């Protein structure tokens, strides 16, 4: 999977391509944590105000093949403790757009400077069960670079081969009951890591786009 092929697949899917497009367009066909619910969007979600956020779906250009950059959150955080996520976070007033949010949060969380990052476009907006509307910013990352993780937020930074993510046999579905309601979600169990929830959902969306297949 090359940089140019990723750009072509983003464009073929009707998604914004390039930095300026990513800043202006909302993406095609929003996805959500509720996509696997057997009866569609559950009624208990209702109307709610979503908080905007931006994450970096960073694809690293490695000699052995591209990888996807991910983080594991520290265990003491109040929200999503210990979970695997993309670098990123909530929009702040100083951010001119959500692409800027993703880049700012990435530098703050893992020390990756924007000079190493080429924004290719974005995936569809993704609504989380915690009421965030996430803009996944797809980017090409050129080594060499050095990372300095924020020890308060990030326990580990690691990479997963894109080829492994693209293999749908590595995508599973599970469910659990929380607050009296059953939630269905994707899981990508990589080595000793449990990639699930919104991060797994956005990775499945990435695979849909890059293989030109829509579920």
C-alpha atoms as a PDB file:
ATOM      1  CA  UNK A   1       0.000   0.000   0.000  1.00  0.00           C
ATOM      2  CA  UNK A   2       1.621   3.239  -1.161  1.00  0.00           C
ATOM      3  CA  UNK A   3       0.962   6.885  -0.392  1.00  0.00           C
ATOM      4  CA  UNK A   4      -0.412   7.477  -3.894  1.00  0.00           C
ATOM      5  CA  UNK A   5      -2.738   4.474  -3.714  1.00  0.00           C
ATOM      6  CA  UNK A   6      -4.112   5.673  -0.385  1.00  0.00           C
ATOM      7  CA  UNK A   7      -4.826   9.076  -1.946  1.00  0.00           C
ATOM      8  CA  UNK A   8      -6.598   7.441  -4.895  1.00  0.00           C
ATOM      9  CA  UNK A   9      -8.734   5.234  -2.645  1.00  0.00           C
ATOM     10  CA  UNK A  10      -9.733   8.204  -0.460  1.00  0.00           C
ATOM     11  CA  UNK A  11     -10.759  10.163  -3.550  1.00  0.00           C
ATOM     12  CA  UNK A  12     -12.599   7.190  -5.087  1.00  0.00           C
ATOM     13  CA  UNK A  13     -14.640   6.852  -1.885  1.00  0.00           C
ATOM     14  CA  UNK A  14     -15.797  10.454  -2.143  1.00  0.00           C
ATOM     15  CA  UNK A  15     -13.786  11.453   0.925  1.00  0.00           C
ATOM     16  CA  UNK A  16     -11.855  14.709   1.290  1.00  0.00           C
ATOM     17  CA  UNK A  17      -8.304  14.477  -0.049  1.00  0.00           C
ATOM     18  CA  UNK A  18      -5.412  16.716   0.874  1.00  0.00           C
ATOM     19  CA  UNK A  19      -4.953  19.149   3.707  1.00  0.00           C
ATOM     20  CA  UNK A  20      -7.288  21.928   2.593  1.00  0.00           C
ATOM     21  CA  UNK A  21     -10.123  19.535   1.740  1.00  0.00           C
ATOM     22  CA  UNK A  22      -9.723  17.799   5.069  1.00  0.00           C
ATOM     23  CA  UNK A  23     -10.154  21.082   6.886  1.00  0.00           C
ATOM     24  CA  UNK A  24     -13.354  22.032   5.096  1.00  0.00           C
ATOM     25  CA  UNK A  25     -15.371  18.869   4.459  1.00  0.00           C
ATOM     26  CA  UNK A  26     -17.192  16.660   6.963  1.00  0.00           C
ATOM     27  CA  UNK A  27     -16.544  13.315   5.301  1.00  0.00           C
ATOM     28  CA  UNK A  28     -18.892  10.814   3.684  1.00  0.00           C
ATOM     29  CA  UNK A  29     -21.485   8.781   5.549  1.00  0.00           C
ATOM     30  CA  UNK A  30     -20.818   9.125   9.269  1.00  0.00           C
ATOM     31  CA  UNK A  31     -19.900   6.004  11.232  1.00  0.00           C
ATOM     32  CA  UNK A  32     -20.483   5.356  14.913  1.00  0.00           C
ATOM     33  CA  UNK A  33     -20.029   3.057  17.893  1.00  0.00           C
ATOM     34  CA  UNK A  34     -23.603   1.927  17.237  1.00  0.00           C
ATOM     35  CA  UNK A  35     -23.059   0.576  13.712  1.00  0.00           C
ATOM     36  CA  UNK A  36     -23.086  -3.041  14.907  1.00  0.00           C
ATOM     37  CA  UNK A  37     -26.273  -2.677  16.952  1.00  0.00           C
ATOM     38  CA  UNK A  38     -28.628  -5.376  15.612  1.00  0.00           C
ATOM     39  CA  UNK A  39     -31.585  -2.974  15.309  1.00  0.00           C
ATOM     40  CA  UNK A  40     -29.737   0.053  13.976  1.00  0.00           C
ATOM     41  CA  UNK A  41     -29.124   3.183  15.981  1.00  0.00           C
ATOM     42  CA  UNK A  42     -30.534   2.427  19.455  1.00  0.00           C
ATOM     43  CA  UNK A  43     -33.349   4.617  20.715  1.00  0.00           C
ATOM     44  CA  UNK A  44     -31.673   5.391  24.023  1.00  0.00           C
ATOM     45  CA  UNK A  45     -29.002   7.478  22.223  1.00  0.00           C
ATOM     46  CA  UNK A  46     -31.574  10.106  21.263  1.00  0.00           C
ATOM     47  CA  UNK A  47     -30.702  13.659  20.366  1.00  0.00           C
ATOM     48  CA  UNK A  48     -27.517  14.858  21.984  1.00  0.00           C
ATOM     49  CA  UNK A  49     -24.859  17.501  21.476  1.00  0.00           C
ATOM     50  CA  UNK A  50     -21.657  15.962  20.173  1.00  0.00           C
ATOM     51  CA  UNK A  51     -18.283  17.360  21.164  1.00  0.00           C
ATOM     52  CA  UNK A  52     -15.890  17.727  18.185  1.00  0.00           C
ATOM     53  CA  UNK A  53     -12.550  15.915  18.261  1.00  0.00           C
ATOM     54  CA  UNK A  54      -9.741  15.095  15.860  1.00  0.00           C
ATOM     55  CA  UNK A  55      -7.431  12.074  15.771  1.00  0.00           C
ATOM     56  CA  UNK A  56      -4.455  11.242  13.593  1.00  0.00           C
ATOM     57  CA  UNK A  57      -4.655   8.009  11.611  1.00  0.00           C
ATOM     58  CA  UNK A  58      -0.937   8.062  10.965  1.00  0.00           C
ATOM     59  CA  UNK A  59       0.499   5.667   8.372  1.00  0.00           C
ATOM     60  CA  UNK A  60       4.259   5.334   8.808  1.00  0.00           C
ATOM     61  CA  UNK A  61       6.426   4.703   5.744  1.00  0.00           C
ATOM     62  CA  UNK A  62       8.552   1.768   6.908  1.00  0.00           C
ATOM     63  CA  UNK A  63      10.929  -0.238   4.627  1.00  0.00           C
ATOM     64  CA  UNK A  64       9.119  -3.497   5.442  1.00  0.00           C
ATOM     65  CA  UNK A  65       5.748  -1.948   4.640  1.00  0.00           C
ATOM     66  CA  UNK A  66       3.521   0.797   6.048  1.00  0.00           C
ATOM     67  CA  UNK A  67       2.416   0.660   9.661  1.00  0.00           C
ATOM     68  CA  UNK A  68      -0.289   2.464  11.650  1.00  0.00           C
ATOM     69  CA  UNK A  69       0.775   4.507  14.668  1.00  0.00           C
ATOM     70  CA  UNK A  70      -1.197   3.873  17.870  1.00  0.00           C
ATOM     71  CA  UNK A  71      -0.920   4.683  21.565  1.00  0.00           C
ATOM     72  CA  UNK A  72      -1.922   2.973  24.778  1.00  0.00           C
ATOM     73  CA  UNK A  73      -3.379   5.322  27.359  1.00  0.00           C
ATOM     74  CA  UNK A  74      -2.139   5.284  30.937  1.00  0.00           C
ATOM     75  CA  UNK A  75      -4.073   3.292  33.511  1.00  0.00           C
ATOM     76  CA  UNK A  76      -4.875   6.198  35.848  1.00  0.00           C
ATOM     77  CA  UNK A  77      -6.857   8.364  33.405  1.00  0.00           C
ATOM     78  CA  UNK A  78     -10.505   9.039  34.223  1.00  0.00           C
ATOM     79  CA  UNK A  79     -11.671   8.282  30.667  1.00  0.00           C
ATOM     80  CA  UNK A  80     -10.635   5.315  28.503  1.00  0.00           C
ATOM     81  CA  UNK A  81      -7.868   4.302  30.912  1.00  0.00           C
ATOM     82  CA  UNK A  82      -5.488   1.738  29.464  1.00  0.00           C
ATOM     83  CA  UNK A  83      -7.241   1.664  26.105  1.00  0.00           C
ATOM     84  CA  UNK A  84      -5.542   1.747  22.716  1.00  0.00           C
ATOM     85  CA  UNK A  85      -6.244   4.856  20.675  1.00  0.00           C
ATOM     86  CA  UNK A  86      -5.031   7.123  17.919  1.00  0.00           C
ATOM     87  CA  UNK A  87      -3.174  10.241  19.023  1.00  0.00           C
ATOM     88  CA  UNK A  88      -5.678  13.088  19.217  1.00  0.00           C
ATOM     89  CA  UNK A  89      -8.311  14.678  21.367  1.00  0.00           C
ATOM     90  CA  UNK A  90     -10.993  17.297  21.751  1.00  0.00           C
ATOM     91  CA  UNK A  91     -11.177  20.518  19.748  1.00  0.00           C
ATOM     92  CA  UNK A  92     -10.042  23.663  21.564  1.00  0.00           C
ATOM     93  CA  UNK A  93     -10.779  27.296  20.768  1.00  0.00           C
ATOM     94  CA  UNK A  94      -7.273  27.991  19.484  1.00  0.00           C
ATOM     95  CA  UNK A  95      -7.657  25.249  16.838  1.00  0.00           C
ATOM     96  CA  UNK A  96      -8.719  26.736  13.474  1.00  0.00           C
ATOM     97  CA  UNK A  97     -10.036  23.328  12.339  1.00  0.00           C
ATOM     98  CA  UNK A  98     -10.058  19.690  13.412  1.00  0.00           C
ATOM     99  CA  UNK A  99      -7.010  18.851  11.349  1.00  0.00           C
ATOM    100  CA  UNK A 100      -5.153  21.314  13.569  1.00  0.00           C
ATOM    101  CA  UNK A 101      -6.640  19.598  16.618  1.00  0.00           C
ATOM    102  CA  UNK A 102      -5.289  16.223  15.506  1.00  0.00           C
ATOM    103  CA  UNK A 103      -1.831  17.637  14.768  1.00  0.00           C
ATOM    104  CA  UNK A 104      -1.646  19.637  18.001  1.00  0.00           C
ATOM    105  CA  UNK A 105      -2.768  16.731  20.160  1.00  0.00           C
ATOM    106  CA  UNK A 106      -0.355  14.372  18.397  1.00  0.00           C
ATOM    107  CA  UNK A 107       2.584  16.636  19.151  1.00  0.00           C
ATOM    108  CA  UNK A 108       1.443  17.120  22.745  1.00  0.00           C
ATOM    109  CA  UNK A 109       0.840  13.418  23.389  1.00  0.00           C
ATOM    110  CA  UNK A 110       3.752  11.747  21.620  1.00  0.00           C
ATOM    111  CA  UNK A 111       6.081  14.553  20.520  1.00  0.00           C
ATOM    112  CA  UNK A 112       5.675  13.946  16.774  1.00  0.00           C
ATOM    113  CA  UNK A 113       6.380  17.246  15.003  1.00  0.00           C
ATOM    114  CA  UNK A 114       4.067  18.219  12.105  1.00  0.00           C
ATOM    115  CA  UNK A 115       7.058  18.469   9.742  1.00  0.00           C
ATOM    116  CA  UNK A 116       7.053  14.668   9.590  1.00  0.00           C
ATOM    117  CA  UNK A 117       3.326  14.528   8.774  1.00  0.00           C
ATOM    118  CA  UNK A 118       1.652  14.904   5.389  1.00  0.00           C
ATOM    119  CA  UNK A 119      -2.123  15.076   5.660  1.00  0.00           C
ATOM    120  CA  UNK A 120      -3.689  12.930   2.930  1.00  0.00           C
ATOM    121  CA  UNK A 121      -7.355  13.500   3.792  1.00  0.00           C
ATOM    122  CA  UNK A 122      -9.898  12.173   6.225  1.00  0.00           C
ATOM    123  CA  UNK A 123     -12.218   9.280   6.908  1.00  0.00           C
ATOM    124  CA  UNK A 124     -15.923   9.590   7.648  1.00  0.00           C
ATOM    125  CA  UNK A 125     -16.906  11.315  10.856  1.00  0.00           C
ATOM    126  CA  UNK A 126     -17.151   8.871  13.737  1.00  0.00           C
ATOM    127  CA  UNK A 127     -19.599   9.251  16.635  1.00  0.00           C
ATOM    128  CA  UNK A 128     -18.548   7.645  19.908  1.00  0.00           C
ATOM    129  CA  UNK A 129     -20.766   6.335  22.665  1.00  0.00           C
ATOM    130  CA  UNK A 130     -19.220   9.028  24.881  1.00  0.00           C
ATOM    131  CA  UNK A 131     -20.769  11.763  22.667  1.00  0.00           C
ATOM    132  CA  UNK A 132     -17.762  12.833  20.598  1.00  0.00           C
ATOM    133  CA  UNK A 133     -17.881  13.505  16.882  1.00  0.00           C
ATOM    134  CA  UNK A 134     -14.413  12.448  15.767  1.00  0.00           C
ATOM    135  CA  UNK A 135     -12.701  13.551  12.558  1.00  0.00           C
ATOM    136  CA  UNK A 136     -10.118  10.864  11.656  1.00  0.00           C
ATOM    137  CA  UNK A 137      -7.314  12.675   9.788  1.00  0.00           C
ATOM    138  CA  UNK A 138      -5.396  10.276   7.545  1.00  0.00           C
ATOM    139  CA  UNK A 139      -1.717  11.160   7.270  1.00  0.00           C
ATOM    140  CA  UNK A 140       1.525   9.842   5.797  1.00  0.00           C
ATOM    141  CA  UNK A 141       4.427   9.918   8.267  1.00  0.00           C
ATOM    142  CA  UNK A 142       8.033   9.939   7.066  1.00  0.00           C
ATOM    143  CA  UNK A 143      10.812   8.616   9.297  1.00  0.00           C
ATOM    144  CA  UNK A 144      13.233   9.224  10.820  1.00  0.00           C
ATOM    145  CA  UNK A 145      11.567  10.861  13.805  1.00  0.00           C
ATOM    146  CA  UNK A 146      11.862  10.763  17.543  1.00  0.00           C
ATOM    147  CA  UNK A 147       8.899  10.439  19.872  1.00  0.00           C
ATOM    148  CA  UNK A 148       8.542  11.713  23.409  1.00  0.00           C
ATOM    149  CA  UNK A 149       5.359  10.426  25.002  1.00  0.00           C
ATOM    150  CA  UNK A 150       3.546  12.481  27.606  1.00  0.00           C
ATOM    151  CA  UNK A 151       3.909  10.219  30.652  1.00  0.00           C
ATOM    152  CA  UNK A 152       0.624  11.420  32.135  1.00  0.00           C
ATOM    153  CA  UNK A 153      -1.479  10.389  29.130  1.00  0.00           C
ATOM    154  CA  UNK A 154       0.501   7.816  27.152  1.00  0.00           C
ATOM    155  CA  UNK A 155       1.874   4.557  28.498  1.00  0.00           C
ATOM    156  CA  UNK A 156       3.230   3.331  25.154  1.00  0.00           C
ATOM    157  CA  UNK A 157       3.495   4.233  21.472  1.00  0.00           C
ATOM    158  CA  UNK A 158       3.587   1.338  19.016  1.00  0.00           C
ATOM    159  CA  UNK A 159       2.960   0.475  15.367  1.00  0.00           C
ATOM    160  CA  UNK A 160       0.828  -2.215  13.740  1.00  0.00           C
ATOM    161  CA  UNK A 161       1.561  -3.371  10.159  1.00  0.00           C
ATOM    162  CA  UNK A 162      -1.033  -2.003   7.766  1.00  0.00           C
ATOM    163  CA  UNK A 163      -1.120  -5.361   5.954  1.00  0.00           C
ATOM    164  CA  UNK A 164      -2.191  -7.023   9.213  1.00  0.00           C
ATOM    165  CA  UNK A 165      -4.961  -4.465   9.703  1.00  0.00           C
ATOM    166  CA  UNK A 166      -6.092  -4.913   6.096  1.00  0.00           C
ATOM    167  CA  UNK A 167      -6.582  -8.665   6.651  1.00  0.00           C
ATOM    168  CA  UNK A 168     -10.257  -8.988   7.596  1.00  0.00           C
ATOM    169  CA  UNK A 169      -9.643 -12.325   9.288  1.00  0.00           C
ATOM    170  CA  UNK A 170      -8.086 -10.233  12.065  1.00  0.00           C
ATOM    171  CA  UNK A 171     -11.366  -8.342  12.617  1.00  0.00           C
ATOM    172  CA  UNK A 172     -13.719  -9.860  15.157  1.00  0.00           C
ATOM    173  CA  UNK A 173     -16.940  -8.680  16.778  1.00  0.00           C
ATOM    174  CA  UNK A 174     -17.775  -8.911  20.453  1.00  0.00           C
ATOM    175  CA  UNK A 175     -20.336  -7.495  22.857  1.00  0.00           C
ATOM    176  CA  UNK A 176     -20.665  -6.685  26.532  1.00  0.00           C
ATOM    177  CA  UNK A 177     -23.327  -5.345  28.860  1.00  0.00           C
ATOM    178  CA  UNK A 178     -22.679  -1.916  30.354  1.00  0.00           C
ATOM    179  CA  UNK A 179     -25.169   0.135  32.373  1.00  0.00           C
ATOM    180  CA  UNK A 180     -27.788  -2.499  31.631  1.00  0.00           C
ATOM    181  CA  UNK A 181     -27.365  -2.252  27.836  1.00  0.00           C
ATOM    182  CA  UNK A 182     -25.533  -4.562  25.477  1.00  0.00           C
ATOM    183  CA  UNK A 183     -22.936  -2.887  23.311  1.00  0.00           C
ATOM    184  CA  UNK A 184     -21.542  -4.463  20.126  1.00  0.00           C
ATOM    185  CA  UNK A 185     -18.090  -3.512  18.845  1.00  0.00           C
ATOM    186  CA  UNK A 186     -15.140  -4.506  16.682  1.00  0.00           C
ATOM    187  CA  UNK A 187     -12.002  -6.046  18.146  1.00  0.00           C
ATOM    188  CA  UNK A 188      -8.596  -6.331  16.462  1.00  0.00           C
ATOM    189  CA  UNK A 189      -6.468  -8.491  18.801  1.00  0.00           C
ATOM    190  CA  UNK A 190      -2.880  -7.708  17.823  1.00  0.00           C
ATOM    191  CA  UNK A 191      -0.239  -9.771  19.641  1.00  0.00           C
ATOM    192  CA  UNK A 192      -0.881  -9.087  23.344  1.00  0.00           C
ATOM    193  CA  UNK A 193      -2.930  -5.943  22.673  1.00  0.00           C
ATOM    194  CA  UNK A 194      -6.711  -5.557  22.596  1.00  0.00           C
ATOM    195  CA  UNK A 195      -7.718  -2.921  20.029  1.00  0.00           C
ATOM    196  CA  UNK A 196     -11.457  -2.357  20.343  1.00  0.00           C
ATOM    197  CA  UNK A 197     -14.281   0.174  20.376  1.00  0.00           C
ATOM    198  CA  UNK A 198     -13.980   3.427  18.452  1.00  0.00           C
ATOM    199  CA  UNK A 199     -10.337   2.835  17.494  1.00  0.00           C
ATOM    200  CA  UNK A 200     -11.155  -0.571  16.024  1.00  0.00           C
ATOM    201  CA  UNK A 201     -14.230   0.878  14.307  1.00  0.00           C
ATOM    202  CA  UNK A 202     -12.177   3.592  12.619  1.00  0.00           C
ATOM    203  CA  UNK A 203      -9.561   1.031  11.566  1.00  0.00           C
ATOM    204  CA  UNK A 204     -12.296  -1.085   9.950  1.00  0.00           C
ATOM    205  CA  UNK A 205     -13.508   2.059   8.189  1.00  0.00           C
ATOM    206  CA  UNK A 206      -9.949   2.640   6.933  1.00  0.00           C
ATOM    207  CA  UNK A 207      -9.880  -0.895   5.548  1.00  0.00           C
ATOM    208  CA  UNK A 208     -13.247  -0.365   3.852  1.00  0.00           C
ATOM    209  CA  UNK A 209     -11.858   2.724   2.111  1.00  0.00           C
ATOM    210  CA  UNK A 210      -8.498   1.268   1.143  1.00  0.00           C
ATOM    211  CA  UNK A 211     -10.044  -1.890  -0.287  1.00  0.00           C
ATOM    212  CA  UNK A 212     -12.858   0.062  -1.933  1.00  0.00           C
ATOM    213  CA  UNK A 213     -15.380  -2.082  -0.052  1.00  0.00           C
ATOM    214  CA  UNK A 214     -18.256  -0.761   2.034  1.00  0.00           C
ATOM    215  CA  UNK A 215     -19.964  -2.998   4.583  1.00  0.00           C
END
